[in-house]
Amino acid sequence: MRMMNRTSISRCLSFAVMASLLLTGTIAGAQTSPEPLDKILDRTSQRVSEFLDMFSNVKCTELVTQEKFKPNGKIEITEQSTFDYLVILTNAGGELSLVESRLPVKQAKADPRKDISMLLSNGFATLFLVFHPYYSNGFEFTDAGSELIEGHNARKIRFQHIPNTRSVAALALRGREYALELSGTAWVDPETGNILRIEAGIGSTLEDIGMKTLQSSVRFSAVPFSKDQPVYWFPTEAWVEVETPKQHWRNTHRFNGYKQFSVSTEEHVAQK
């Protein structure tokens, strides 16, 4: 994920890397014991690996709404942009790399007031990488029980980044990178391993370099492609809210119109 404000000192947030959900009361205990957490984690990890391969073979339309708040909490300015969106996945030498591609369809005009700086954010749609085998060893997972979410009996799984291990997020500032100690909660379908919703953020761990809080949330919805393929749950909305001692932003990313595409390449070897 990369996020920047238009100031003389740029801040970049990188992720190696949505309409609110209706949450109802906790599900009453079933007659049988719930499935062990490690089995659900294994299923979710496998599902995320499969999903990532599919996610890098689709494109969609992304609507980005950027908001900046006044000190009194009221919105000072709102900007909207639309992009053709896709994720490019590479895995060279065991190093996983995701690059988001955005082709502008409609871009917001920059505010003429020089003192207005908007937050530029990307990468939050790939927050599910917390459960990918490449990153999952860098997190501690705990079972937070069950909850009914949009008609699905979901298991709540809390996660906390382990210091000095590989993280899905880093803050680049003044030529240095600071691993973000992300923590949060994911709502997972225990039978399929699909992630239905995930929330993550950091507390006050980076206040010394000017970031008070960062909170994000991603909502997933079922996207069927054909009767011969499994139904995948893709990001449909993601929001991120960032606050510094002097500024406060919120960006919302909405994804729709997912379509599969295929790219074929040919390699030619010159004849000697």
Protein backbone atom coordinates (compact mmCIF):
# COMPACT_ATOMS: atom_id res chain seq x y z
CA MET A 1 0.00 0.00 0.00
CA ARG A 2 1.27 3.48 -0.76
CA MET A 3 -0.18 6.60 0.70
CA MET A 4 1.15 10.12 0.32
CA ASN A 5 0.04 13.59 1.22
CA ARG A 6 0.93 16.52 -1.00
CA THR A 7 3.28 18.24 1.42
CA SER A 8 6.98 18.99 1.38
CA ILE A 9 7.56 15.93 3.55
CA SER A 10 6.01 12.89 1.86
CA ARG A 11 4.83 9.91 3.79
CA CYS A 12 4.51 6.57 2.03
CA LEU A 13 2.73 3.59 3.51
CA SER A 14 3.53 0.34 1.69
CA PHE A 15 1.55 -2.86 1.87
CA ALA A 16 3.37 -5.92 0.38
CA VAL A 17 0.20 -6.44 -0.07
CA MET A 18 -15.74 -1.50 2.54
CA ALA A 19 -20.94 -0.08 2.80
CA SER A 20 -20.73 -1.24 6.41
CA LEU A 21 -21.52 -4.79 7.46
CA LEU A 22 -24.49 -5.67 9.58
CA LEU A 23 -23.14 -7.33 12.70
CA THR A 24 -25.59 -9.03 15.01
CA GLY A 25 -25.17 -10.70 18.35
CA THR A 26 -22.76 -13.49 19.10
CA ILE A 27 -23.98 -16.90 18.06
CA ALA A 28 -25.05 -19.11 20.90
CA GLY A 29 -22.83 -22.09 21.55
CA ALA A 30 -23.57 -25.08 19.35
CA GLN A 31 -24.13 -28.56 20.64
CA THR A 32 -20.77 -29.68 19.26
CA SER A 33 -17.38 -28.19 19.99
CA PRO A 34 -16.22 -25.54 17.51
CA GLU A 35 -13.58 -26.53 15.01
CA PRO A 36 -10.03 -25.92 16.29
CA LEU A 37 -8.50 -22.61 15.25
CA ASP A 38 -5.45 -24.19 13.61
CA LYS A 39 -7.66 -26.09 11.15
CA ILE A 40 -9.54 -22.93 10.22
CA LEU A 41 -6.23 -21.09 9.77
CA ASP A 42 -4.93 -23.85 7.48
CA ARG A 43 -8.13 -23.68 5.41
CA THR A 44 -8.02 -19.89 5.26
CA SER A 45 -4.34 -19.88 4.28
CA GLN A 46 -5.01 -22.31 1.43
CA ARG A 47 -8.04 -20.31 0.31
CA VAL A 48 -6.06 -17.04 0.34
CA SER A 49 -3.34 -18.64 -1.80
CA GLU A 50 -5.94 -19.77 -4.34
CA PHE A 51 -7.69 -16.43 -4.17
CA LEU A 52 -4.47 -14.51 -4.81
CA ASP A 53 -3.91 -16.39 -8.06
CA MET A 54 -7.44 -15.51 -9.16
CA PHE A 55 -7.21 -11.92 -7.91
CA SER A 56 -4.21 -11.32 -10.19
CA ASN A 57 -6.29 -12.47 -13.18
CA VAL A 58 -9.18 -10.04 -12.83
CA LYS A 59 -9.75 -6.36 -13.40
CA CYS A 60 -12.45 -4.05 -12.09
CA THR A 61 -13.52 -0.44 -11.70
CA GLU A 62 -12.37 1.40 -8.59
CA LEU A 63 -14.07 4.51 -7.24
CA VAL A 64 -11.90 6.42 -4.75
CA THR A 65 -13.41 9.03 -2.43
CA GLN A 66 -10.90 11.19 -0.55
CA GLU A 67 -11.99 13.24 2.44
CA LYS A 68 -10.11 15.66 4.63
CA PHE A 69 -11.52 16.82 7.96
CA LYS A 70 -11.40 20.11 9.76
CA PRO A 71 -10.15 20.22 13.36
CA ASN A 72 -13.81 20.23 14.51
CA GLY A 73 -14.43 16.89 12.77
CA LYS A 74 -16.47 18.26 9.86
CA ILE A 75 -15.47 17.43 6.28
CA GLU A 76 -13.37 20.22 4.76
CA ILE A 77 -13.09 18.85 1.22
CA THR A 78 -14.12 15.75 -0.78
CA GLU A 79 -12.61 14.53 -4.05
CA GLN A 80 -13.62 11.55 -6.21
CA SER A 81 -11.69 9.64 -8.88
CA THR A 82 -12.39 6.53 -10.98
CA PHE A 83 -9.82 4.02 -12.22
CA ASP A 84 -9.48 0.77 -14.14
CA TYR A 85 -7.90 -1.42 -11.47
CA LEU A 86 -5.88 -4.64 -11.47
CA VAL A 87 -3.21 -6.32 -9.36
CA ILE A 88 -0.01 -7.70 -10.87
CA LEU A 89 1.50 -10.65 -8.98
CA THR A 90 5.09 -11.83 -9.23
CA ASN A 91 6.90 -14.51 -7.25
CA ALA A 92 10.58 -14.46 -8.09
CA GLY A 93 12.93 -16.55 -6.00
CA GLY A 94 10.25 -17.07 -3.36
CA GLU A 95 9.79 -13.30 -2.89
CA LEU A 96 6.12 -12.38 -3.24
CA SER A 97 5.41 -9.04 -4.86
CA LEU A 98 2.08 -7.32 -5.60
CA VAL A 99 1.78 -4.17 -7.67
CA GLU A 100 -1.49 -2.33 -8.10
CA SER A 101 -2.15 -0.84 -11.52
CA ARG A 102 -4.55 2.10 -11.85
CA LEU A 103 -5.47 3.62 -15.19
CA PRO A 104 -7.35 6.90 -14.69
CA VAL A 105 -10.89 7.06 -16.03
CA LYS A 106 -11.86 10.22 -14.18
CA GLN A 107 -9.50 12.06 -11.86
CA ALA A 108 -10.31 14.69 -9.29
CA LYS A 109 -8.93 18.15 -9.87
CA ALA A 110 -6.39 19.29 -7.32
CA ASP A 111 -7.72 21.88 -4.90
CA PRO A 112 -6.24 25.31 -5.76
CA ARG A 113 -5.69 26.10 -2.10
CA LYS A 114 -2.04 25.38 -1.43
CA ASP A 115 -2.67 24.53 2.22
CA ILE A 116 -4.98 21.62 1.31
CA SER A 117 -3.23 18.24 1.16
CA MET A 118 -5.17 15.08 0.33
CA LEU A 119 -4.21 11.54 1.26
CA LEU A 120 -3.29 9.16 -1.58
CA SER A 121 -3.75 5.51 -0.60
CA ASN A 122 -3.57 2.12 -2.24
CA GLY A 123 -2.98 -1.50 -1.35
CA PHE A 124 -5.64 -1.81 1.35
CA ALA A 125 -7.66 -4.26 -0.77
CA THR A 126 -4.85 -6.79 -0.25
CA LEU A 127 -5.04 -6.78 3.53
CA PHE A 128 -6.02 -10.47 3.32
CA LEU A 129 -2.29 -11.21 2.89
CA VAL A 130 -2.10 -11.41 6.69
CA PHE A 131 -3.29 -15.02 6.22
CA HIS A 132 -1.06 -15.85 3.25
CA PRO A 133 1.70 -18.43 3.99
CA TYR A 134 4.33 -15.87 2.99
CA TYR A 135 3.29 -13.55 5.85
CA SER A 136 1.25 -15.57 8.35
CA ASN A 137 4.29 -16.69 10.39
CA GLY A 138 4.76 -13.03 11.31
CA PHE A 139 1.43 -12.89 13.16
CA GLU A 140 -0.12 -14.37 16.27
CA PHE A 141 -3.72 -15.53 15.83
CA THR A 142 -6.30 -16.02 18.56
CA ASP A 143 -9.87 -17.32 18.47
CA ALA A 144 -12.46 -14.64 19.33
CA GLY A 145 -15.53 -16.85 19.06
CA SER A 146 -18.32 -16.86 16.51
CA GLU A 147 -20.54 -14.12 15.13
CA LEU A 148 -23.34 -13.86 12.59
CA ILE A 149 -22.31 -11.51 9.79
CA GLU A 150 -24.61 -10.86 6.82
CA GLY A 151 -26.23 -14.25 7.23
CA HIS A 152 -22.97 -16.17 7.61
CA ASN A 153 -21.82 -17.92 10.76
CA ALA A 154 -18.31 -16.51 10.91
CA ARG A 155 -15.37 -17.20 13.19
CA LYS A 156 -13.71 -14.08 14.53
CA ILE A 157 -9.93 -14.35 14.41
CA ARG A 158 -7.78 -11.70 16.02
CA PHE A 159 -4.25 -11.16 14.78
CA GLN A 160 -1.21 -9.26 16.05
CA HIS A 161 2.05 -8.71 14.21
CA ILE A 162 5.13 -10.20 15.86
CA PRO A 163 7.94 -7.62 16.13
CA ASN A 164 11.05 -8.22 14.01
CA THR A 165 9.23 -10.53 11.60
CA ARG A 166 8.02 -10.00 8.04
CA SER A 167 5.08 -7.59 7.95
CA VAL A 168 2.54 -6.82 5.23
CA ALA A 169 2.94 -3.09 5.87
CA ALA A 170 5.71 -0.54 6.30
CA LEU A 171 5.88 3.21 6.59
CA ALA A 172 8.56 4.86 4.44
CA LEU A 173 9.58 8.23 5.81
CA ARG A 174 12.67 10.34 5.17
CA GLY A 175 14.49 7.47 3.50
CA ARG A 176 13.74 4.93 6.23
CA GLU A 177 11.19 2.15 6.52
CA TYR A 178 9.26 1.38 9.71
CA ALA A 179 7.47 -1.98 9.90
CA LEU A 180 3.91 -1.43 11.03
CA GLU A 181 2.78 -3.51 13.99
CA LEU A 182 -0.65 -4.24 12.56
CA SER A 183 -3.32 -5.79 14.71
CA GLY A 184 -6.96 -6.45 13.99
CA THR A 185 -9.81 -8.88 13.48
CA ALA A 186 -10.95 -11.01 10.55
CA TRP A 187 -14.36 -12.62 10.10
CA VAL A 188 -13.87 -15.97 8.33
CA ASP A 189 -16.29 -18.58 7.00
CA PRO A 190 -15.01 -21.65 8.91
CA GLU A 191 -16.24 -24.12 6.28
CA THR A 192 -14.71 -22.50 3.20
CA GLY A 193 -11.93 -20.32 4.61
CA ASN A 194 -13.29 -17.27 2.78
CA ILE A 195 -12.60 -13.95 4.48
CA LEU A 196 -15.82 -11.96 4.82
CA ARG A 197 -14.41 -8.87 6.48
CA ILE A 198 -11.11 -7.74 7.94
CA GLU A 199 -10.17 -4.76 10.09
CA ALA A 200 -6.66 -3.68 11.01
CA GLY A 201 -4.75 -0.73 12.33
CA ILE A 202 -1.98 0.56 14.51
CA GLY A 203 -2.22 2.33 17.82
CA SER A 204 0.07 5.11 18.94
CA THR A 205 3.29 3.24 18.15
CA LEU A 206 4.39 5.79 15.52
CA GLU A 207 3.48 9.02 17.26
CA ASP A 208 7.16 9.92 17.56
CA ILE A 209 7.38 10.23 13.76
CA GLY A 210 4.08 12.05 13.31
CA MET A 211 1.36 9.40 12.91
CA LYS A 212 -1.22 9.18 15.68
CA THR A 213 -3.48 6.43 14.34
CA LEU A 214 -4.22 4.38 11.25
CA GLN A 215 -7.37 2.28 10.95
CA SER A 216 -8.63 0.33 7.95
CA SER A 217 -11.45 -2.04 7.05
CA VAL A 218 -12.12 -4.23 4.02
CA ARG A 219 -15.43 -5.80 3.10
CA PHE A 220 -15.61 -8.81 0.76
CA SER A 221 -18.55 -10.08 -1.31
CA ALA A 222 -19.16 -13.18 -3.41
CA VAL A 223 -18.30 -12.68 -7.08
CA PRO A 224 -19.33 -15.61 -9.35
CA PHE A 225 -17.64 -15.85 -12.76
CA SER A 226 -18.97 -19.09 -14.26
CA LYS A 227 -20.72 -22.25 -13.13
CA ASP A 228 -17.48 -24.18 -13.65
CA GLN A 229 -15.52 -22.05 -11.18
CA PRO A 230 -15.79 -21.72 -7.41
CA VAL A 231 -17.29 -18.53 -6.05
CA TYR A 232 -14.59 -16.16 -4.84
CA TRP A 233 -15.03 -13.41 -2.28
CA PHE A 234 -13.47 -10.23 -3.64
CA PRO A 235 -12.95 -6.84 -1.99
CA THR A 236 -15.94 -4.60 -2.67
CA GLU A 237 -15.17 -1.75 -0.30
CA ALA A 238 -12.11 -0.64 1.68
CA TRP A 239 -11.59 2.42 3.79
CA VAL A 240 -8.59 3.84 5.58
CA GLU A 241 -8.50 6.61 8.14
CA VAL A 242 -5.26 8.34 9.12
CA GLU A 243 -4.67 10.99 11.74
CA THR A 244 -1.58 13.01 12.54
CA PRO A 245 -1.31 15.67 15.26
CA LYS A 246 -2.47 18.31 12.76
CA GLN A 247 -4.34 16.51 9.96
CA HIS A 248 -7.10 13.93 9.55
CA TRP A 249 -8.10 12.05 6.37
CA ARG A 250 -10.39 9.22 5.31
CA ASN A 251 -10.27 7.47 1.94
CA THR A 252 -12.87 5.00 0.68
CA HIS A 253 -12.20 2.60 -2.20
CA ARG A 254 -15.16 0.87 -3.86
CA PHE A 255 -14.59 -1.98 -6.33
CA ASN A 256 -17.18 -3.27 -8.82
CA GLY A 257 -17.53 -4.85 -12.25
CA TYR A 258 -14.98 -7.63 -11.75
CA LYS A 259 -14.05 -9.35 -15.01
CA GLN A 260 -11.54 -12.06 -15.80
CA PHE A 261 -8.82 -11.47 -18.32
CA SER A 262 -5.95 -13.54 -19.66
CA VAL A 263 -2.54 -12.46 -20.83
CA SER A 264 -0.46 -14.64 -23.12
CA THR A 265 3.21 -14.00 -23.80
CA GLU A 266 5.65 -15.46 -26.29
CA GLU A 267 9.40 -15.67 -25.86
CA HIS A 268 11.56 -15.65 -28.97
CA VAL A 269 15.19 -16.74 -28.95
CA ALA A 270 17.37 -15.12 -31.57
CA GLN A 271 18.93 -17.54 -34.04
CA LYS A 272 22.75 -17.47 -34.10
